[in-house]
Amino acid sequence: MKLLAIFVLIHLHYSCSAQVLAGFKPTGAFSEQELQINDRARGISIEIVAPLNFSNKGKTFVVFFALPNGNSIEWTKGKQLSAGDDWHYDIQHIAAQSRFVRSVDRKNNYVLVYLLTQQKSWPAWKRALADAPTQIKQIIDSVTSIFQLYDPHLVLNGHSGGGSFIFGFLDAVESIPPNIDRIAFLDSDYGYETGKHQEKLVDWLKQSKKNNLIVLSYNDSIVIYNGKPLVSATGGTWYRSRLMQKDLSSSFSFTTTTDTAFIHHTALRGRIQFHLKQNPTGLIYHTVQVEKNGFIYSLLSNTRFDKKKYFSYFGERVYNRFIVMQ
């Protein structure tokens, strides 16, 4: 059955105090429910994780998380490592980080949408489809329709090659829709192009004071891997993030601070944030930026939870108690 047809059939029903979505299954852990969709026609897999109990006092945020290159949904969600487990289970922990977000923000509802292609690469998937941007927009619209009774606010988020999904959506629309509250690039803005994306981002940031842009990256331009540069001179997130910030500075006034670890660029009272990890020894921080509370920061930065210092970006993990054991 095609993806859109599945979504049309889905409606809300209630079981005791839980608000179970039709087609979803309660997981039995952390008060969550899940829906898995295999869209063979598009060559993508989607897993949606929603709270079992929706608050009617807050907003509902649907967070689209496009997976990094080479990763499975299971690796991206993460778990407690046991003997013989693949190390990839311990490098992102998006599931545990999302549970931490729910634990501190009890007013709002957070729905997490994992997005995976059969190639395990959004850039490769896009190259294979002439109408990839249109397909991406249809995916977002279809998933969003599941939660239409909650008037959902959307977050576009992704790590590594997952940024290609975000740019695909931007390429599909004339302007970024008003229901998108936040866009976050977790070391994933390789695909940024001034001519295609600058004006859309500027217009969207001017559109509403609720709109936030978060960019995390590190200096990958000096990394040598297997005897070769890890990225080209203009192909890494260090170059693309600095280019994006420079482009936006023609429209917004930035404050820049520098310490021994980071260069921080902020504008619009924190609604625009670039955190660029300095790297004098040429290490690879690609996934570490996510592991060290990066996903949490991408959702809660410039909120009251950020200001209360429940967590710190690039600090010690604050989400360990939410990691599943099995």
Protein backbone atom coordinates (compact mmCIF):
# COMPACT_ATOMS: atom_id res chain seq x y z
CA MET A 1 0.00 0.00 0.00
CA LYS A 2 1.36 3.41 -0.90
CA LEU A 3 2.49 5.74 1.87
CA LEU A 4 -0.18 8.37 1.29
CA ALA A 5 -2.93 5.76 1.29
CA ILE A 6 -1.72 4.47 4.66
CA PHE A 7 -1.85 7.95 6.11
CA VAL A 8 -5.36 8.58 4.85
CA LEU A 9 -6.58 5.53 6.77
CA ILE A 10 -5.02 6.62 10.06
CA HIS A 11 -7.22 8.38 12.61
CA LEU A 12 -7.18 8.96 16.34
CA HIS A 13 -8.83 6.74 18.92
CA TYR A 14 -8.48 6.55 22.66
CA SER A 15 -7.71 3.75 25.09
CA CYS A 16 -8.22 4.61 28.80
CA SER A 17 -6.05 7.65 29.56
CA ALA A 18 -3.63 6.91 26.72
CA GLN A 19 -4.17 8.49 23.34
CA VAL A 20 -3.24 5.66 21.03
CA LEU A 21 -2.97 6.49 17.35
CA ALA A 22 -4.52 3.92 15.05
CA GLY A 23 -1.81 1.75 13.54
CA PHE A 24 0.61 2.60 16.35
CA LYS A 25 1.71 0.12 19.00
CA PRO A 26 2.59 1.02 22.58
CA THR A 27 6.20 0.01 23.21
CA GLY A 28 5.83 -0.75 26.89
CA ALA A 29 8.76 1.52 27.73
CA PHE A 30 9.03 5.25 28.41
CA SER A 31 5.31 5.78 27.62
CA GLU A 32 5.84 5.70 23.86
CA GLN A 33 4.02 4.34 20.83
CA GLU A 34 5.50 3.51 17.44
CA LEU A 35 4.47 3.17 13.82
CA GLN A 36 6.77 1.64 11.21
CA ILE A 37 6.20 2.29 7.51
CA ASN A 38 8.07 0.68 4.64
CA ASP A 39 7.43 2.80 1.56
CA ARG A 40 8.84 0.52 -1.14
CA ALA A 41 7.67 2.77 -3.96
CA ARG A 42 9.91 5.57 -2.74
CA GLY A 43 12.61 3.35 -1.29
CA ILE A 44 12.37 4.76 2.21
CA SER A 45 11.61 3.51 5.70
CA ILE A 46 9.92 5.65 8.33
CA GLU A 47 9.58 5.04 12.04
CA ILE A 48 7.41 7.40 14.05
CA VAL A 49 7.73 7.51 17.83
CA ALA A 50 5.07 9.48 19.68
CA PRO A 51 4.24 9.93 23.35
CA LEU A 52 1.52 7.65 24.63
CA ASN A 53 -0.13 10.55 26.41
CA PHE A 54 -0.57 13.85 24.59
CA SER A 55 -0.83 17.01 26.66
CA ASN A 56 -3.65 19.30 25.59
CA LYS A 57 -1.99 22.29 27.28
CA GLY A 58 1.00 22.65 24.98
CA LYS A 59 2.09 22.44 21.39
CA THR A 60 2.81 19.30 19.39
CA PHE A 61 6.18 19.30 17.65
CA VAL A 62 6.75 16.77 14.87
CA VAL A 63 10.50 16.39 14.53
CA PHE A 64 11.70 15.02 11.19
CA PHE A 65 15.13 13.48 11.76
CA ALA A 66 16.87 12.46 8.53
CA LEU A 67 19.44 9.76 9.24
CA PRO A 68 23.18 10.11 8.64
CA ASN A 69 24.86 8.23 5.84
CA GLY A 70 25.42 4.54 6.50
CA ASN A 71 23.30 4.29 9.62
CA SER A 72 20.25 2.18 10.38
CA ILE A 73 17.29 3.37 12.41
CA GLU A 74 18.29 0.99 15.21
CA TRP A 75 21.82 2.43 15.37
CA THR A 76 20.46 5.96 15.30
CA LYS A 77 18.00 5.29 18.12
CA GLY A 78 20.76 3.68 20.19
CA LYS A 79 20.84 1.25 23.12
CA GLN A 80 23.04 0.19 26.01
CA LEU A 81 25.98 -1.73 24.59
CA SER A 82 26.41 -5.40 25.41
CA ALA A 83 29.29 -7.69 24.53
CA GLY A 84 29.49 -8.12 20.76
CA ASP A 85 27.20 -5.19 19.91
CA ASP A 86 28.11 -2.88 17.06
CA TRP A 87 29.66 0.37 18.30
CA HIS A 88 27.24 2.40 16.19
CA TYR A 89 24.54 1.81 18.83
CA ASP A 90 26.41 4.12 21.19
CA ILE A 91 27.22 7.19 19.07
CA GLN A 92 23.96 9.10 18.60
CA HIS A 93 21.24 7.98 21.02
CA ILE A 94 18.53 10.03 19.37
CA ALA A 95 15.85 8.00 21.17
CA ALA A 96 17.30 8.67 24.61
CA GLN A 97 17.93 12.33 23.81
CA SER A 98 14.31 12.77 22.70
CA ARG A 99 13.14 11.16 25.97
CA PHE A 100 15.25 13.61 27.90
CA VAL A 101 13.56 16.45 26.03
CA ARG A 102 10.13 15.08 26.97
CA SER A 103 11.22 14.68 30.59
CA VAL A 104 12.10 18.36 31.01
CA ASP A 105 9.42 19.83 28.74
CA ARG A 106 6.28 18.16 30.05
CA LYS A 107 3.92 20.75 28.62
CA ASN A 108 4.61 20.17 24.93
CA ASN A 109 4.39 16.98 22.89
CA TYR A 110 7.36 15.74 20.85
CA VAL A 111 6.89 13.26 18.01
CA LEU A 112 10.06 11.89 16.45
CA VAL A 113 10.12 10.75 12.81
CA TYR A 114 13.15 8.70 11.72
CA LEU A 115 13.73 8.85 7.96
CA LEU A 116 15.92 6.27 6.21
CA THR A 117 16.55 5.52 2.53
CA GLN A 118 17.29 2.09 1.09
CA GLN A 119 20.74 3.39 0.10
CA LYS A 120 21.30 4.58 3.69
CA SER A 121 22.15 7.94 2.13
CA TRP A 122 19.85 10.86 1.43
CA PRO A 123 22.31 12.40 -1.07
CA ALA A 124 22.44 9.11 -3.03
CA TRP A 125 18.65 8.75 -2.89
CA LYS A 126 18.19 12.27 -4.23
CA ARG A 127 20.61 11.70 -7.10
CA ALA A 128 18.57 8.67 -8.18
CA LEU A 129 15.29 10.60 -8.41
CA ALA A 130 14.63 13.51 -10.74
CA ASP A 131 11.72 14.69 -8.58
CA ALA A 132 13.37 14.07 -5.20
CA PRO A 133 12.44 17.49 -3.70
CA THR A 134 8.78 16.95 -4.58
CA GLN A 135 8.89 13.49 -3.04
CA ILE A 136 10.42 14.86 0.16
CA LYS A 137 7.69 17.48 0.47
CA GLN A 138 5.04 14.80 -0.02
CA ILE A 139 6.63 12.70 2.74
CA ILE A 140 6.58 15.62 5.16
CA ASP A 141 3.01 16.56 4.27
CA SER A 142 1.80 12.98 4.64
CA VAL A 143 3.40 12.39 8.04
CA THR A 144 2.20 15.77 9.27
CA SER A 145 -1.38 14.86 8.34
CA ILE A 146 -1.38 12.08 10.95
CA PHE A 147 -1.24 14.70 13.68
CA GLN A 148 -3.51 17.29 12.08
CA LEU A 149 -5.90 17.31 15.06
CA TYR A 150 -3.01 18.59 17.19
CA ASP A 151 -2.21 21.51 14.86
CA PRO A 152 1.43 20.35 14.67
CA HIS A 153 4.51 22.54 14.52
CA LEU A 154 7.34 21.05 12.48
CA VAL A 155 11.07 20.72 13.10
CA LEU A 156 13.44 19.81 10.27
CA ASN A 157 16.51 18.10 11.70
CA GLY A 158 19.25 15.82 10.45
CA HIS A 159 22.80 14.64 10.93
CA SER A 160 25.51 14.15 8.27
CA GLY A 161 23.90 13.30 4.92
CA GLY A 162 20.52 13.86 6.56
CA GLY A 163 20.94 17.55 5.83
CA SER A 164 20.33 16.68 2.19
CA PHE A 165 16.73 15.83 3.13
CA ILE A 166 16.28 19.31 4.61
CA PHE A 167 17.70 21.06 1.57
CA GLY A 168 15.53 18.86 -0.64
CA PHE A 169 12.49 20.22 1.13
CA LEU A 170 13.73 23.81 0.82
CA ASP A 171 14.23 23.22 -2.91
CA ALA A 172 10.63 22.00 -3.23
CA VAL A 173 8.95 25.10 -1.80
CA GLU A 174 8.85 28.71 -2.92
CA SER A 175 8.96 29.79 0.71
CA ILE A 176 9.39 27.89 3.97
CA PRO A 177 5.91 27.21 5.38
CA PRO A 178 4.83 28.98 8.59
CA ASN A 179 4.23 25.69 10.44
CA ILE A 180 7.99 25.03 10.49
CA ASP A 181 9.30 26.41 13.79
CA ARG A 182 12.86 25.17 13.76
CA ILE A 183 15.53 23.99 11.33
CA ALA A 184 18.63 22.28 12.73
CA PHE A 185 21.72 21.09 10.91
CA LEU A 186 23.77 18.70 13.06
CA ASP A 187 27.03 18.79 11.11
CA SER A 188 24.89 18.29 8.03
CA ASP A 189 24.78 21.45 5.90
CA TYR A 190 27.03 20.13 3.10
CA GLY A 191 24.37 20.98 0.55
CA TYR A 192 23.96 24.65 1.36
CA GLU A 193 24.01 26.92 -1.70
CA THR A 194 23.76 30.69 -1.47
CA GLY A 195 21.63 31.16 -4.58
CA LYS A 196 19.14 28.44 -3.65
CA HIS A 197 18.79 28.76 0.10
CA GLN A 198 19.90 32.15 1.46
CA GLU A 199 16.77 34.13 0.56
CA LYS A 200 14.39 31.41 1.75
CA LEU A 201 16.11 31.18 5.14
CA VAL A 202 16.20 34.96 5.55
CA ASP A 203 12.50 35.35 4.69
CA TRP A 204 11.54 32.51 7.05
CA LEU A 205 13.56 33.95 9.94
CA LYS A 206 11.92 37.33 9.42
CA GLN A 207 8.48 35.74 9.18
CA SER A 208 8.04 34.92 12.87
CA LYS A 209 9.80 35.33 16.20
CA LYS A 210 9.17 31.64 16.88
CA ASN A 211 11.46 30.50 14.07
CA ASN A 212 14.90 29.20 15.04
CA LEU A 213 17.91 28.11 12.98
CA ILE A 214 20.57 25.98 14.69
CA VAL A 215 23.83 24.95 12.99
CA LEU A 216 26.44 22.71 14.61
CA SER A 217 29.68 21.93 12.81
CA TYR A 218 33.39 21.42 13.34
CA ASN A 219 36.55 22.23 11.43
CA ASP A 220 36.65 19.23 9.10
CA SER A 221 38.76 21.12 6.56
CA ILE A 222 42.03 20.14 8.24
CA VAL A 223 41.23 16.49 8.96
CA ILE A 224 43.40 13.87 7.24
CA TYR A 225 41.80 10.42 7.02
CA ASN A 226 43.62 7.44 5.53
CA GLY A 227 46.26 9.78 4.19
CA LYS A 228 43.82 12.07 2.37
CA PRO A 229 41.81 15.19 3.25
CA LEU A 230 38.46 14.17 4.72
CA VAL A 231 36.61 16.79 2.65
CA SER A 232 37.39 19.12 -0.22
CA ALA A 233 38.29 22.74 0.42
CA THR A 234 34.68 23.86 -0.05
CA GLY A 235 32.80 20.62 0.56
CA GLY A 236 32.77 20.27 4.34
CA THR A 237 30.42 21.62 6.97
CA TRP A 238 33.09 24.04 8.26
CA TYR A 239 33.15 25.86 4.93
CA ARG A 240 29.39 25.60 4.31
CA SER A 241 28.46 26.73 7.82
CA ARG A 242 30.74 29.76 7.60
CA LEU A 243 29.31 30.56 4.17
CA MET A 244 25.74 30.33 5.47
CA GLN A 245 26.55 32.55 8.45
CA LYS A 246 28.27 35.07 6.20
CA ASP A 247 25.26 35.12 3.89
CA LEU A 248 22.83 35.64 6.77
CA SER A 249 25.00 38.42 8.22
CA SER A 250 23.99 40.61 5.29
CA SER A 251 20.46 40.60 6.75
CA PHE A 252 21.00 40.09 10.48
CA SER A 253 23.44 41.52 13.01
CA PHE A 254 25.50 38.77 14.63
CA THR A 255 27.39 38.67 17.89
CA THR A 256 30.51 36.51 17.75
CA THR A 257 32.34 35.04 20.72
CA THR A 258 35.35 32.74 20.65
CA ASP A 259 36.93 30.48 23.23
CA THR A 260 39.48 27.69 23.05
CA ALA A 261 36.86 25.22 21.85
CA PHE A 262 34.24 27.07 19.79
CA ILE A 263 33.36 30.02 17.64
CA HIS A 264 29.79 31.09 18.46
CA HIS A 265 27.74 33.27 16.11
CA THR A 266 24.30 34.37 17.36
CA ALA A 267 21.64 36.72 16.04
CA LEU A 268 17.99 37.65 16.61
CA ARG A 269 18.35 37.18 20.38
CA GLY A 270 19.42 33.58 19.97
CA ARG A 271 17.02 32.55 17.24
CA ILE A 272 19.99 32.04 14.93
CA GLN A 273 22.89 30.07 16.35
CA PHE A 274 26.06 28.77 14.75
CA HIS A 275 28.38 26.76 17.00
CA LEU A 276 31.59 25.95 15.16
CA LYS A 277 33.93 23.52 16.94
CA GLN A 278 37.56 24.47 16.57
CA ASN A 279 39.90 21.60 15.83
CA PRO A 280 43.61 22.43 16.12
CA THR A 281 44.68 18.78 16.32
CA GLY A 282 42.66 17.62 13.30
CA LEU A 283 40.37 15.15 15.09
CA ILE A 284 37.04 13.86 13.78
CA TYR A 285 34.12 15.29 15.75
CA HIS A 286 31.43 14.45 13.24
CA THR A 287 29.24 12.26 15.44
CA VAL A 288 30.56 13.46 18.79
CA GLN A 289 28.66 16.70 18.23
CA VAL A 290 25.43 14.69 18.25
CA GLU A 291 26.39 12.33 21.08
CA LYS A 292 27.28 15.17 23.45
CA ASN A 293 23.71 16.41 23.81
CA GLY A 294 23.66 17.87 20.30
CA PHE A 295 20.17 16.65 19.46
CA ILE A 296 18.81 17.93 22.77
CA TYR A 297 20.39 21.29 22.10
CA SER A 298 18.91 21.44 18.62
CA LEU A 299 15.40 21.18 20.12
CA LEU A 300 15.69 23.16 23.36
CA SER A 301 18.18 25.92 22.55
CA ASN A 302 16.77 29.40 22.99
CA THR A 303 13.99 28.08 25.25
CA ARG A 304 13.47 28.37 29.00
CA PHE A 305 14.94 24.88 29.39
CA ASP A 306 18.18 25.99 27.81
CA LYS A 307 18.34 29.02 30.09
CA LYS A 308 17.81 26.84 33.20
CA LYS A 309 20.90 24.81 32.26
CA TYR A 310 19.30 21.39 32.34
CA PHE A 311 22.02 20.38 29.90
CA SER A 312 25.02 21.75 28.04
CA TYR A 313 25.99 21.24 24.44
CA PHE A 314 29.25 19.30 24.04
CA GLY A 315 29.12 18.42 27.72
CA GLU A 316 28.64 15.12 29.51
CA ARG A 317 25.67 13.04 28.43
CA VAL A 318 22.58 14.01 30.38
CA TYR A 319 20.34 11.32 28.86
CA ASN A 320 21.95 8.05 30.02
CA ARG A 321 18.98 7.03 32.18
CA PHE A 322 16.79 7.03 29.07
CA ILE A 323 18.89 4.54 27.08
CA VAL A 324 17.17 1.17 26.60
CA MET A 325 18.99 -1.82 28.05
CA GLN A 326 18.19 -4.59 25.55
